[in-house]
């Protein structure tokens, strides 16, 4: 990818509110310091350019490696080739934290799936246990169920019941 592919695209930007929040957090220690909106917008443009430059370089590196996906190592090489070596240790630390968080999330998801499976098995076992405790065969239970459905259908189709006449006193 070249810089020309990104040129002219007005869609490439960062959320202003997010950038403003970051700026506010950074400036929180400097009492009385403010940040002009025009300066924030300029900072956003610089960040977009930086991201574009790094991703473009990483894409070229990935293509040279015959890879279709840009991986962390491609970003590291891009930073090094563009002279941003000082960012590599922080990048690797953040990447490791992300991998750890993903592993925890996968483990939590697996546990939740196991619990759901266990609950379903227990529910089936309870139903099976109730059937066995009834002392009736499956055919008898089905006949009883059909009779209950027929009876309910008759009551439903009969309409509202007439109120019982009160006995004369």
N, C-alpha and C. Protein backbone atom coordinates (compact mmCIF):
# COMPACT_ATOMS: atom_id res chain seq x y z
N UNK A 1 0.84 -1.18 0.00
CA UNK A 1 0.00 0.00 0.00
C UNK A 1 0.88 1.23 0.00
N UNK A 2 0.47 2.18 -0.75
CA UNK A 2 1.23 3.43 -0.77
C UNK A 2 0.42 4.52 -0.09
N UNK A 3 1.09 5.63 0.16
CA UNK A 3 0.41 6.76 0.78
C UNK A 3 -0.68 7.30 -0.15
N UNK A 4 -0.52 7.09 -1.46
CA UNK A 4 -1.50 7.59 -2.42
C UNK A 4 -2.86 6.92 -2.22
N UNK A 5 -2.84 5.65 -1.77
CA UNK A 5 -4.10 4.94 -1.56
C UNK A 5 -4.91 5.58 -0.45
N UNK A 6 -4.25 6.20 0.50
CA UNK A 6 -4.94 6.82 1.62
C UNK A 6 -5.28 8.28 1.36
N UNK A 7 -4.62 8.88 0.37
CA UNK A 7 -4.81 10.30 0.10
C UNK A 7 -6.23 10.56 -0.39
N UNK A 8 -6.78 11.67 0.02
CA UNK A 8 -8.10 12.06 -0.46
C UNK A 8 -9.25 11.42 0.28
N UNK A 9 -8.98 10.55 1.22
CA UNK A 9 -10.05 9.90 1.96
C UNK A 9 -10.37 10.72 3.20
N UNK A 10 -11.56 11.31 3.21
CA UNK A 10 -11.97 12.12 4.36
C UNK A 10 -12.46 11.24 5.51
N UNK A 11 -12.62 9.95 5.26
CA UNK A 11 -13.15 9.06 6.27
C UNK A 11 -12.11 8.65 7.31
N UNK A 12 -10.84 8.82 7.00
CA UNK A 12 -9.79 8.41 7.93
C UNK A 12 -9.63 9.44 9.03
N UNK A 13 -10.12 9.11 10.20
CA UNK A 13 -10.01 10.01 11.34
C UNK A 13 -10.13 9.20 12.62
N UNK A 14 -9.96 9.87 13.73
CA UNK A 14 -10.13 9.25 15.04
C UNK A 14 -11.28 9.94 15.74
N UNK A 15 -11.97 9.25 16.63
CA UNK A 15 -13.08 9.89 17.34
C UNK A 15 -12.61 11.07 18.18
N UNK A 16 -13.18 12.23 17.92
CA UNK A 16 -12.77 13.45 18.63
C UNK A 16 -12.95 13.31 20.14
N UNK A 17 -14.06 12.71 20.56
CA UNK A 17 -14.34 12.58 22.00
C UNK A 17 -13.27 11.73 22.68
N UNK A 18 -12.85 10.66 22.01
CA UNK A 18 -11.83 9.79 22.59
C UNK A 18 -10.50 10.52 22.70
N UNK A 19 -10.12 11.21 21.63
CA UNK A 19 -8.87 11.97 21.65
C UNK A 19 -8.93 13.05 22.73
N UNK A 20 -10.07 13.73 22.83
CA UNK A 20 -10.23 14.77 23.85
C UNK A 20 -10.09 14.17 25.25
N UNK A 21 -10.63 12.99 25.46
CA UNK A 21 -10.53 12.32 26.77
C UNK A 21 -9.07 12.02 27.10
N UNK A 22 -8.33 11.53 26.11
CA UNK A 22 -6.90 11.25 26.32
C UNK A 22 -6.15 12.53 26.66
N UNK A 23 -6.42 13.58 25.90
CA UNK A 23 -5.76 14.87 26.15
C UNK A 23 -6.08 15.35 27.56
N UNK A 24 -7.34 15.26 27.96
CA UNK A 24 -7.76 15.71 29.29
C UNK A 24 -7.03 14.93 30.38
N UNK A 25 -6.89 13.62 30.19
CA UNK A 25 -6.18 12.80 31.18
C UNK A 25 -4.71 13.19 31.27
N UNK A 26 -4.09 13.48 30.12
CA UNK A 26 -2.68 13.86 30.09
C UNK A 26 -2.48 15.22 30.74
N UNK A 27 -3.40 16.13 30.49
CA UNK A 27 -3.28 17.49 31.02
C UNK A 27 -3.78 17.63 32.45
N UNK A 28 -4.33 16.57 33.01
CA UNK A 28 -4.90 16.65 34.36
C UNK A 28 -3.85 17.08 35.39
N UNK A 29 -2.60 16.73 35.17
CA UNK A 29 -1.53 17.09 36.11
C UNK A 29 -1.10 18.55 35.98
N UNK A 30 -1.32 19.15 34.81
CA UNK A 30 -0.92 20.54 34.57
C UNK A 30 -2.12 21.46 34.81
N UNK A 31 -2.20 22.00 36.02
CA UNK A 31 -3.30 22.89 36.37
C UNK A 31 -3.26 24.13 35.49
N UNK A 32 -4.40 24.52 34.99
CA UNK A 32 -4.48 25.74 34.19
C UNK A 32 -4.13 25.56 32.73
N UNK A 33 -3.64 24.40 32.33
CA UNK A 33 -3.27 24.17 30.93
C UNK A 33 -4.52 23.74 30.16
N UNK A 34 -4.71 24.31 28.99
CA UNK A 34 -5.85 23.93 28.16
C UNK A 34 -5.35 23.56 26.77
N UNK A 35 -6.24 23.01 25.97
CA UNK A 35 -5.89 22.49 24.66
C UNK A 35 -6.93 23.01 23.68
N UNK A 36 -6.52 23.80 22.71
CA UNK A 36 -7.45 24.39 21.74
C UNK A 36 -8.03 23.31 20.83
N UNK A 37 -9.26 23.51 20.39
CA UNK A 37 -9.92 22.54 19.51
C UNK A 37 -9.14 22.36 18.21
N UNK A 38 -8.59 23.45 17.68
CA UNK A 38 -7.81 23.36 16.45
C UNK A 38 -6.57 22.50 16.67
N UNK A 39 -5.98 22.62 17.86
CA UNK A 39 -4.80 21.83 18.19
C UNK A 39 -5.18 20.36 18.29
N UNK A 40 -6.34 20.08 18.90
CA UNK A 40 -6.82 18.70 18.99
C UNK A 40 -7.02 18.12 17.59
N UNK A 41 -7.61 18.89 16.69
CA UNK A 41 -7.85 18.42 15.33
C UNK A 41 -6.53 18.17 14.60
N UNK A 42 -5.53 19.03 14.84
CA UNK A 42 -4.21 18.83 14.25
C UNK A 42 -3.57 17.56 14.80
N UNK A 43 -3.72 17.33 16.10
CA UNK A 43 -3.20 16.12 16.73
C UNK A 43 -3.85 14.88 16.11
N UNK A 44 -5.15 14.94 15.87
CA UNK A 44 -5.85 13.82 15.24
C UNK A 44 -5.28 13.55 13.85
N UNK A 45 -5.05 14.60 13.08
CA UNK A 45 -4.47 14.44 11.74
C UNK A 45 -3.09 13.79 11.82
N UNK A 46 -2.28 14.22 12.79
CA UNK A 46 -0.94 13.64 12.97
C UNK A 46 -1.04 12.16 13.34
N UNK A 47 -1.96 11.83 14.23
CA UNK A 47 -2.14 10.44 14.64
C UNK A 47 -2.58 9.56 13.47
N UNK A 48 -3.50 10.07 12.67
CA UNK A 48 -3.97 9.32 11.50
C UNK A 48 -2.81 9.11 10.53
N UNK A 49 -2.01 10.13 10.33
CA UNK A 49 -0.85 10.00 9.43
C UNK A 49 0.14 8.97 9.97
N UNK A 50 0.38 9.00 11.29
CA UNK A 50 1.30 8.04 11.91
C UNK A 50 0.78 6.62 11.74
N UNK A 51 -0.50 6.42 12.02
CA UNK A 51 -1.10 5.08 11.89
C UNK A 51 -1.04 4.62 10.43
N UNK A 52 -1.32 5.52 9.51
CA UNK A 52 -1.28 5.19 8.09
C UNK A 52 0.13 4.78 7.67
N UNK A 53 1.11 5.54 8.11
CA UNK A 53 2.50 5.26 7.76
C UNK A 53 2.94 3.90 8.32
N UNK A 54 2.64 3.63 9.59
CA UNK A 54 3.04 2.36 10.21
C UNK A 54 2.31 1.19 9.55
N UNK A 55 1.01 1.33 9.34
CA UNK A 55 0.25 0.21 8.76
C UNK A 55 0.66 -0.05 7.32
N UNK A 56 0.98 1.00 6.58
CA UNK A 56 1.44 0.84 5.21
C UNK A 56 2.77 0.09 5.17
N UNK A 57 3.69 0.49 6.03
CA UNK A 57 5.00 -0.18 6.11
C UNK A 57 4.83 -1.63 6.56
N UNK A 58 3.98 -1.85 7.57
CA UNK A 58 3.74 -3.21 8.07
C UNK A 58 3.11 -4.08 6.98
N UNK A 59 2.24 -3.50 6.18
CA UNK A 59 1.62 -4.23 5.08
C UNK A 59 2.66 -4.68 4.07
N UNK A 60 3.58 -3.77 3.72
CA UNK A 60 4.65 -4.12 2.78
C UNK A 60 5.52 -5.24 3.34
N UNK A 61 5.82 -5.19 4.63
CA UNK A 61 6.63 -6.23 5.27
C UNK A 61 5.88 -7.55 5.24
N UNK A 62 4.59 -7.53 5.53
CA UNK A 62 3.78 -8.76 5.51
C UNK A 62 3.73 -9.34 4.10
N UNK A 63 3.59 -8.47 3.10
CA UNK A 63 3.57 -8.94 1.72
C UNK A 63 4.89 -9.59 1.34
N UNK A 64 6.02 -9.01 1.79
CA UNK A 64 7.34 -9.59 1.52
C UNK A 64 7.46 -10.97 2.16
N UNK A 65 6.82 -11.14 3.33
CA UNK A 65 6.83 -12.43 4.02
C UNK A 65 5.76 -13.38 3.48
N UNK A 66 5.06 -12.96 2.43
CA UNK A 66 3.98 -13.75 1.82
C UNK A 66 2.87 -14.05 2.83
N UNK A 67 2.58 -13.08 3.66
CA UNK A 67 1.51 -13.22 4.66
C UNK A 67 0.33 -12.36 4.24
N UNK A 68 -0.87 -12.84 4.51
CA UNK A 68 -2.07 -12.08 4.18
C UNK A 68 -2.59 -11.30 5.37
N UNK A 69 -2.05 -11.57 6.55
CA UNK A 69 -2.48 -10.89 7.76
C UNK A 69 -1.29 -10.17 8.39
N UNK A 70 -1.49 -8.92 8.75
CA UNK A 70 -0.44 -8.17 9.44
C UNK A 70 -0.41 -8.62 10.88
N UNK A 71 0.74 -9.09 11.33
CA UNK A 71 0.90 -9.58 12.70
C UNK A 71 1.73 -8.58 13.50
N UNK A 72 1.82 -8.85 14.79
CA UNK A 72 2.56 -7.98 15.70
C UNK A 72 4.01 -7.80 15.23
N UNK A 73 4.61 -8.89 14.78
CA UNK A 73 6.02 -8.79 14.36
C UNK A 73 6.18 -7.86 13.16
N UNK A 74 5.16 -7.76 12.31
CA UNK A 74 5.23 -6.84 11.18
C UNK A 74 5.18 -5.38 11.65
N UNK A 75 4.38 -5.13 12.68
CA UNK A 75 4.31 -3.77 13.25
C UNK A 75 5.65 -3.42 13.90
N UNK A 76 6.24 -4.38 14.61
CA UNK A 76 7.55 -4.16 15.25
C UNK A 76 8.59 -3.81 14.19
N UNK A 77 8.64 -4.61 13.12
CA UNK A 77 9.61 -4.34 12.05
C UNK A 77 9.35 -2.98 11.40
N UNK A 78 8.09 -2.64 11.22
CA UNK A 78 7.75 -1.34 10.61
C UNK A 78 8.23 -0.20 11.49
N UNK A 79 7.99 -0.31 12.79
CA UNK A 79 8.46 0.73 13.71
C UNK A 79 9.98 0.87 13.64
N UNK A 80 10.67 -0.27 13.62
CA UNK A 80 12.14 -0.24 13.57
C UNK A 80 12.63 0.36 12.26
N UNK A 81 12.03 -0.05 11.15
CA UNK A 81 12.47 0.45 9.85
C UNK A 81 12.19 1.94 9.67
N UNK A 82 11.16 2.44 10.34
CA UNK A 82 10.83 3.86 10.23
C UNK A 82 11.50 4.70 11.31
N UNK A 83 12.34 4.06 12.14
CA UNK A 83 13.10 4.80 13.14
C UNK A 83 12.37 5.06 14.44
N UNK A 84 11.36 4.29 14.73
CA UNK A 84 10.61 4.44 15.98
C UNK A 84 10.91 3.31 16.95
N UNK A 85 12.19 2.95 17.07
CA UNK A 85 12.62 1.83 17.92
C UNK A 85 12.17 2.00 19.37
N UNK A 86 12.10 3.25 19.84
CA UNK A 86 11.77 3.47 21.26
C UNK A 86 10.34 3.02 21.59
N UNK A 87 9.49 2.83 20.58
CA UNK A 87 8.11 2.38 20.84
C UNK A 87 7.99 0.85 20.94
N UNK A 88 9.00 0.14 20.47
CA UNK A 88 8.92 -1.33 20.40
C UNK A 88 8.70 -1.98 21.77
N UNK A 89 9.46 -1.64 22.82
CA UNK A 89 9.23 -2.29 24.12
C UNK A 89 7.80 -2.09 24.64
N UNK A 90 7.28 -0.87 24.51
CA UNK A 90 5.91 -0.61 24.96
C UNK A 90 4.91 -1.41 24.13
N UNK A 91 5.14 -1.47 22.83
CA UNK A 91 4.25 -2.24 21.96
C UNK A 91 4.23 -3.71 22.36
N UNK A 92 5.41 -4.27 22.60
CA UNK A 92 5.49 -5.69 22.98
C UNK A 92 4.81 -5.94 24.32
N UNK A 93 4.94 -5.00 25.24
CA UNK A 93 4.29 -5.13 26.55
C UNK A 93 2.77 -5.11 26.40
N UNK A 94 2.26 -4.18 25.61
CA UNK A 94 0.82 -4.08 25.39
C UNK A 94 0.31 -5.33 24.67
N UNK A 95 1.08 -5.82 23.70
CA UNK A 95 0.68 -7.03 22.97
C UNK A 95 0.59 -8.22 23.92
N UNK A 96 1.55 -8.32 24.84
CA UNK A 96 1.53 -9.42 25.82
C UNK A 96 0.32 -9.29 26.74
N UNK A 97 0.02 -8.09 27.19
CA UNK A 97 -1.16 -7.87 28.04
C UNK A 97 -2.44 -8.26 27.29
N UNK A 98 -2.50 -7.92 26.03
CA UNK A 98 -3.67 -8.26 25.22
C UNK A 98 -3.82 -9.77 25.11
N UNK A 99 -2.70 -10.46 24.84
CA UNK A 99 -2.75 -11.93 24.75
C UNK A 99 -3.22 -12.54 26.06
N UNK A 100 -2.75 -12.00 27.16
CA UNK A 100 -3.16 -12.52 28.47
C UNK A 100 -4.65 -12.30 28.69
N UNK A 101 -5.14 -11.11 28.35
CA UNK A 101 -6.57 -10.82 28.50
C UNK A 101 -7.40 -11.75 27.61
N UNK A 102 -6.93 -12.00 26.41
CA UNK A 102 -7.64 -12.89 25.50
C UNK A 102 -7.70 -14.31 26.07
N UNK A 103 -6.59 -14.76 26.66
CA UNK A 103 -6.56 -16.09 27.26
C UNK A 103 -7.54 -16.19 28.41
N UNK A 104 -7.60 -15.16 29.24
CA UNK A 104 -8.55 -15.14 30.36
C UNK A 104 -9.98 -15.16 29.83
N UNK A 105 -10.25 -14.36 28.80
CA UNK A 105 -11.59 -14.31 28.21
C UNK A 105 -11.99 -15.66 27.63
N UNK A 106 -11.05 -16.32 26.94
CA UNK A 106 -11.34 -17.65 26.39
C UNK A 106 -11.65 -18.64 27.50
N UNK A 107 -10.87 -18.59 28.59
CA UNK A 107 -11.09 -19.49 29.71
C UNK A 107 -12.44 -19.23 30.36
N UNK A 108 -12.81 -17.96 30.54
CA UNK A 108 -14.11 -17.63 31.12
C UNK A 108 -15.25 -18.11 30.22
N UNK A 109 -15.08 -17.93 28.90
CA UNK A 109 -16.10 -18.37 27.95
C UNK A 109 -16.24 -19.89 28.00
N UNK A 110 -15.09 -20.59 28.08
CA UNK A 110 -15.12 -22.05 28.14
C UNK A 110 -15.83 -22.53 29.41
N UNK A 111 -15.52 -21.89 30.54
CA UNK A 111 -16.17 -22.26 31.80
C UNK A 111 -17.68 -22.03 31.73
N UNK A 112 -18.07 -20.91 31.14
CA UNK A 112 -19.50 -20.61 31.01
C UNK A 112 -20.18 -21.65 30.14
N UNK A 113 -19.53 -22.03 29.04
CA UNK A 113 -20.10 -23.06 28.16
C UNK A 113 -20.20 -24.39 28.90
N UNK A 114 -19.18 -24.72 29.70
CA UNK A 114 -19.21 -25.96 30.48
C UNK A 114 -20.36 -25.94 31.49
N UNK A 115 -20.56 -24.79 32.14
CA UNK A 115 -21.64 -24.66 33.12
C UNK A 115 -23.00 -24.81 32.44
N UNK A 116 -23.15 -24.22 31.27
CA UNK A 116 -24.41 -24.32 30.53
C UNK A 116 -24.66 -25.76 30.14
N UNK A 117 -23.62 -26.44 29.67
CA UNK A 117 -23.76 -27.85 29.29
C UNK A 117 -24.14 -28.69 30.50
N UNK A 118 -23.49 -28.44 31.63
CA UNK A 118 -23.79 -29.18 32.86
C UNK A 118 -25.23 -28.93 33.27
N UNK A 119 -25.69 -27.69 33.20
CA UNK A 119 -27.07 -27.36 33.56
C UNK A 119 -28.05 -28.10 32.66
N UNK A 120 -27.77 -28.14 31.36
CA UNK A 120 -28.66 -28.84 30.43
C UNK A 120 -28.70 -30.33 30.74
N UNK A 121 -27.54 -30.91 31.05
CA UNK A 121 -27.51 -32.33 31.38
C UNK A 121 -28.31 -32.60 32.65
N UNK A 122 -28.16 -31.74 33.65
CA UNK A 122 -28.90 -31.92 34.90
C UNK A 122 -30.40 -31.78 34.65
N UNK A 123 -30.78 -30.84 33.81
CA UNK A 123 -32.19 -30.64 33.50
C UNK A 123 -32.77 -31.88 32.83
N UNK A 124 -32.02 -32.45 31.88
CA UNK A 124 -32.47 -33.68 31.21
C UNK A 124 -32.60 -34.82 32.20
N UNK A 125 -31.60 -34.93 33.08
CA UNK A 125 -31.63 -36.00 34.07
C UNK A 125 -32.84 -35.87 35.00
N UNK A 126 -33.17 -34.63 35.40
CA UNK A 126 -34.34 -34.41 36.26
C UNK A 126 -35.62 -34.83 35.54
N UNK A 127 -35.74 -34.46 34.27
CA UNK A 127 -36.92 -34.83 33.50
C UNK A 127 -37.01 -36.34 33.37
N UNK A 128 -35.88 -36.97 33.08
CA UNK A 128 -35.85 -38.42 32.95
C UNK A 128 -36.23 -39.06 34.27
N UNK A 129 -35.74 -38.50 35.37
CA UNK A 129 -36.02 -39.03 36.70
C UNK A 129 -37.52 -38.93 37.00
N UNK A 130 -38.17 -37.83 36.65
CA UNK A 130 -39.60 -37.67 36.88
C UNK A 130 -40.39 -38.71 36.10
N UNK A 131 -39.98 -38.96 34.87
CA UNK A 131 -40.66 -39.97 34.05
C UNK A 131 -40.54 -41.34 34.71
N UNK A 132 -39.34 -41.67 35.16
CA UNK A 132 -39.12 -42.96 35.80
C UNK A 132 -39.92 -43.08 37.09
N UNK A 133 -40.01 -41.99 37.85
CA UNK A 133 -40.71 -42.01 39.14
C UNK A 133 -42.22 -42.14 38.96
N UNK A 134 -42.74 -41.79 37.79
CA UNK A 134 -44.19 -41.86 37.59
C UNK A 134 -44.69 -43.30 37.62
N UNK A 135 -43.83 -44.26 37.32
CA UNK A 135 -44.23 -45.66 37.30
C UNK A 135 -45.03 -46.03 36.07
N UNK A 136 -45.14 -45.13 35.12
CA UNK A 136 -45.91 -45.40 33.90
C UNK A 136 -44.95 -45.59 32.73
N UNK A 137 -45.41 -46.38 31.76
CA UNK A 137 -44.58 -46.58 30.57
C UNK A 137 -44.68 -45.33 29.70
N UNK A 138 -43.80 -45.23 28.74
CA UNK A 138 -43.79 -44.07 27.85
C UNK A 138 -45.11 -43.98 27.08
N UNK A 139 -45.63 -45.14 26.64
CA UNK A 139 -46.89 -45.16 25.91
C UNK A 139 -48.03 -44.65 26.79
N UNK A 140 -48.06 -45.07 28.05
CA UNK A 140 -49.10 -44.62 28.98
C UNK A 140 -49.01 -43.11 29.20
N UNK A 141 -47.80 -42.61 29.36
CA UNK A 141 -47.61 -41.17 29.55
C UNK A 141 -48.08 -40.39 28.32
N UNK A 142 -47.77 -40.89 27.13
CA UNK A 142 -48.21 -40.22 25.90
C UNK A 142 -49.73 -40.22 25.79
N UNK A 143 -50.37 -41.36 26.11
CA UNK A 143 -51.83 -41.43 26.09
C UNK A 143 -52.44 -40.43 27.07
N UNK A 144 -51.86 -40.36 28.27
CA UNK A 144 -52.35 -39.43 29.28
C UNK A 144 -52.19 -37.98 28.80
N UNK A 145 -51.06 -37.69 28.16
CA UNK A 145 -50.81 -36.35 27.64
C UNK A 145 -51.84 -36.00 26.56
N UNK A 146 -52.08 -36.94 25.64
CA UNK A 146 -53.06 -36.70 24.58
C UNK A 146 -54.45 -36.46 25.16
N UNK A 147 -54.82 -37.21 26.20
CA UNK A 147 -56.12 -37.04 26.86
C UNK A 147 -56.21 -35.64 27.49
N UNK A 148 -55.13 -35.20 28.12
CA UNK A 148 -55.11 -33.86 28.73
C UNK A 148 -55.25 -32.77 27.67
N UNK A 149 -54.55 -32.95 26.54
CA UNK A 149 -54.67 -31.98 25.45
C UNK A 149 -56.10 -31.95 24.91
N UNK A 150 -56.71 -33.14 24.71
CA UNK A 150 -58.08 -33.23 24.20
C UNK A 150 -59.05 -32.54 25.16
N UNK A 151 -58.87 -32.79 26.44
CA UNK A 151 -59.74 -32.20 27.46
C UNK A 151 -59.60 -30.67 27.48
N UNK A 152 -58.37 -30.19 27.41
CA UNK A 152 -58.13 -28.74 27.40
C UNK A 152 -58.72 -28.11 26.15
N UNK A 153 -58.60 -28.78 25.01
CA UNK A 153 -59.15 -28.28 23.76
C UNK A 153 -60.67 -28.19 23.84
N UNK A 154 -61.31 -29.20 24.41
CA UNK A 154 -62.77 -29.18 24.56
C UNK A 154 -63.20 -28.01 25.44
N UNK A 155 -62.50 -27.80 26.54
CA UNK A 155 -62.84 -26.69 27.44
C UNK A 155 -62.66 -25.34 26.73
N UNK A 156 -61.61 -25.24 25.94
CA UNK A 156 -61.32 -23.99 25.24
C UNK A 156 -62.40 -23.71 24.20
N UNK A 157 -62.79 -24.74 23.46
CA UNK A 157 -63.78 -24.57 22.39
C UNK A 157 -65.20 -24.42 22.93
N UNK A 158 -65.44 -24.83 24.16
CA UNK A 158 -66.77 -24.73 24.75
C UNK A 158 -67.12 -23.28 25.07
N UNK A 159 -66.16 -22.42 25.15
CA UNK A 159 -66.42 -21.02 25.44
C UNK A 159 -66.49 -20.79 26.94
N UNK A 160 -66.85 -19.55 27.31
CA UNK A 160 -66.87 -19.24 28.75
C UNK A 160 -67.97 -20.02 29.45
N UNK A 161 -67.68 -20.44 30.64
CA UNK A 161 -68.64 -21.21 31.42
C UNK A 161 -69.72 -20.27 31.94
N UNK A 162 -70.95 -20.79 31.99
CA UNK A 162 -72.08 -20.02 32.53
C UNK A 162 -71.88 -19.88 34.03
N UNK A 163 -72.12 -18.70 34.58
CA UNK A 163 -71.99 -18.58 36.03
C UNK A 163 -73.07 -19.43 36.70
N UNK A 164 -72.68 -20.06 37.77
CA UNK A 164 -73.62 -20.93 38.49
C UNK A 164 -74.71 -20.07 39.11
N UNK A 165 -75.95 -20.57 39.00
CA UNK A 165 -77.07 -19.83 39.57
C UNK A 165 -77.03 -19.94 41.07
N UNK A 166 -77.26 -18.82 41.71
CA UNK A 166 -77.24 -18.83 43.17
C UNK A 166 -78.56 -19.41 43.67
N UNK A 167 -78.47 -20.26 44.68
CA UNK A 167 -79.71 -20.86 45.21
C UNK A 167 -80.58 -19.77 45.82
N UNK A 168 -81.89 -19.96 45.64
CA UNK A 168 -82.84 -19.00 46.19
C UNK A 168 -82.92 -19.18 47.69
N UNK A 169 -82.96 -18.13 48.39
CA UNK A 169 -82.99 -18.22 49.85
C UNK A 169 -84.37 -18.24 50.41
